Amino acid sequence: MEFKERIVCQPAILGGKPTIKGTRIPVELVLKLLAQGATYDGILEDYPDLKLEDILAAIAYARDTVVAEEVGHLHAVGV
């Protein structure tokens, strides 16, 4: 899943936090809901502005962010 078309960071929206494009829904909220056990269908029902692709993009964004941080950390410690 390519998240770059669905996740944006704009200083005027939530202080630049990553959000779902065209909404004020932060990626953090989507991930928190999933971590709390919410289903895709439940999230889509509670947030009708979202699409399944938005949820998948939030997951992909988190994955890529974690991978980038791990690589950066490994370089910093000389691994």
C-alpha atoms as a PDB file:
ATOM      1  CA  MET A   1       0.000   0.000   0.000  1.00  0.00           C
ATOM      2  CA  GLU A   2       1.375   3.376  -1.033  1.00  0.00           C
ATOM      3  CA  PHE A   3       0.407   5.841   1.678  1.00  0.00           C
ATOM      4  CA  LYS A   4       1.821   9.026   0.151  1.00  0.00           C
ATOM      5  CA  GLU A   5      -1.369   9.737  -1.807  1.00  0.00           C
ATOM      6  CA  ARG A   6      -3.575   9.440   1.296  1.00  0.00           C
ATOM      7  CA  ILE A   7      -1.491  10.775   4.208  1.00  0.00           C
ATOM      8  CA  VAL A   8      -0.556  14.454   4.435  1.00  0.00           C
ATOM      9  CA  CYS A   9       1.276  16.679   6.897  1.00  0.00           C
ATOM     10  CA  GLN A  10       0.139  20.290   6.684  1.00  0.00           C
ATOM     11  CA  PRO A  11       1.193  22.848   9.314  1.00  0.00           C
ATOM     12  CA  ALA A  12      -2.282  24.445   9.294  1.00  0.00           C
ATOM     13  CA  ILE A  13      -4.015  21.137  10.082  1.00  0.00           C
ATOM     14  CA  LEU A  14      -3.455  19.699  13.565  1.00  0.00           C
ATOM     15  CA  GLY A  15      -0.068  21.378  13.785  1.00  0.00           C
ATOM     16  CA  GLY A  16       1.387  19.333  10.950  1.00  0.00           C
ATOM     17  CA  LYS A  17       0.557  15.909  12.385  1.00  0.00           C
ATOM     18  CA  PRO A  18       0.043  13.237   9.725  1.00  0.00           C
ATOM     19  CA  THR A  19      -3.630  13.155   8.781  1.00  0.00           C
ATOM     20  CA  ILE A  20      -5.819  11.380   6.283  1.00  0.00           C
ATOM     21  CA  LYS A  21      -5.953  13.591   3.192  1.00  0.00           C
ATOM     22  CA  GLY A  22      -9.128  15.674   2.952  1.00  0.00           C
ATOM     23  CA  THR A  23      -9.975  15.171   6.628  1.00  0.00           C
ATOM     24  CA  ARG A  24      -8.840  16.300  10.049  1.00  0.00           C
ATOM     25  CA  ILE A  25      -8.495  12.686  11.151  1.00  0.00           C
ATOM     26  CA  PRO A  26      -4.968  12.014  12.404  1.00  0.00           C
ATOM     27  CA  VAL A  27      -3.143   8.813  11.531  1.00  0.00           C
ATOM     28  CA  GLU A  28      -2.501   8.474  15.262  1.00  0.00           C
ATOM     29  CA  LEU A  29      -6.254   8.130  15.928  1.00  0.00           C
ATOM     30  CA  VAL A  30      -6.676   5.400  13.323  1.00  0.00           C
ATOM     31  CA  LEU A  31      -3.738   3.456  14.771  1.00  0.00           C
ATOM     32  CA  LYS A  32      -5.002   3.923  18.327  1.00  0.00           C
ATOM     33  CA  LEU A  33      -8.439   2.603  17.366  1.00  0.00           C
ATOM     34  CA  LEU A  34      -6.881  -0.453  15.736  1.00  0.00           C
ATOM     35  CA  ALA A  35      -4.659  -1.050  18.778  1.00  0.00           C
ATOM     36  CA  GLN A  36      -7.770  -0.928  20.984  1.00  0.00           C
ATOM     37  CA  GLY A  37      -9.344  -3.695  18.922  1.00  0.00           C
ATOM     38  CA  ALA A  38     -11.545  -1.717  16.559  1.00  0.00           C
ATOM     39  CA  THR A  39     -12.305  -3.455  13.288  1.00  0.00           C
ATOM     40  CA  TYR A  40     -11.939  -1.850   9.894  1.00  0.00           C
ATOM     41  CA  ASP A  41     -15.714  -1.963   9.487  1.00  0.00           C
ATOM     42  CA  GLY A  42     -16.231  -0.383  12.902  1.00  0.00           C
ATOM     43  CA  ILE A  43     -13.860   2.463  12.122  1.00  0.00           C
ATOM     44  CA  LEU A  44     -15.493   3.048   8.747  1.00  0.00           C
ATOM     45  CA  GLU A  45     -18.910   3.125  10.402  1.00  0.00           C
ATOM     46  CA  ASP A  46     -17.792   5.603  13.079  1.00  0.00           C
ATOM     47  CA  TYR A  47     -15.830   7.776  10.626  1.00  0.00           C
ATOM     48  CA  PRO A  48     -17.806   7.842   7.362  1.00  0.00           C
ATOM     49  CA  ASP A  49     -15.280  10.196   5.742  1.00  0.00           C
ATOM     50  CA  LEU A  50     -12.723   7.370   5.800  1.00  0.00           C
ATOM     51  CA  LYS A  51     -12.276   4.637   3.231  1.00  0.00           C
ATOM     52  CA  LEU A  52     -10.636   1.255   3.730  1.00  0.00           C
ATOM     53  CA  GLU A  53      -7.676   2.525   1.713  1.00  0.00           C
ATOM     54  CA  ASP A  54      -7.192   5.295   4.300  1.00  0.00           C
ATOM     55  CA  ILE A  55      -6.921   2.778   7.132  1.00  0.00           C
ATOM     56  CA  LEU A  56      -4.453   0.688   5.143  1.00  0.00           C
ATOM     57  CA  ALA A  57      -2.473   3.830   4.323  1.00  0.00           C
ATOM     58  CA  ALA A  58      -2.265   4.697   8.035  1.00  0.00           C
ATOM     59  CA  ILE A  59      -0.866   1.234   8.749  1.00  0.00           C
ATOM     60  CA  ALA A  60       1.625   1.546   5.881  1.00  0.00           C
ATOM     61  CA  TYR A  61       2.687   4.984   7.123  1.00  0.00           C
ATOM     62  CA  ALA A  62       3.330   3.587  10.605  1.00  0.00           C
ATOM     63  CA  ARG A  63       5.260   0.633   9.190  1.00  0.00           C
ATOM     64  CA  ASP A  64       7.479   2.806   7.030  1.00  0.00           C
ATOM     65  CA  THR A  65       8.055   5.274   9.867  1.00  0.00           C
ATOM     66  CA  VAL A  66       9.143   2.505  12.237  1.00  0.00           C
ATOM     67  CA  VAL A  67      11.439   0.981   9.617  1.00  0.00           C
ATOM     68  CA  ALA A  68      13.025   4.375   8.888  1.00  0.00           C
ATOM     69  CA  GLU A  69      13.569   5.011  12.609  1.00  0.00           C
ATOM     70  CA  GLU A  70      15.120   1.563  13.106  1.00  0.00           C
ATOM     71  CA  VAL A  71      17.489   2.084  10.188  1.00  0.00           C
ATOM     72  CA  GLY A  72      18.408   5.542  11.492  1.00  0.00           C
ATOM     73  CA  HIS A  73      19.050   4.109  14.955  1.00  0.00           C
ATOM     74  CA  LEU A  74      21.215   1.309  13.569  1.00  0.00           C
ATOM     75  CA  HIS A  75      23.304   3.822  11.640  1.00  0.00           C
ATOM     76  CA  ALA A  76      23.616   6.020  14.734  1.00  0.00           C
ATOM     77  CA  VAL A  77      24.949   3.158  16.863  1.00  0.00           C
ATOM     78  CA  GLY A  78      27.263   1.945  14.119  1.00  0.00           C
ATOM     79  CA  VAL A  79      25.569  -1.316  13.198  1.00  0.00           C
END
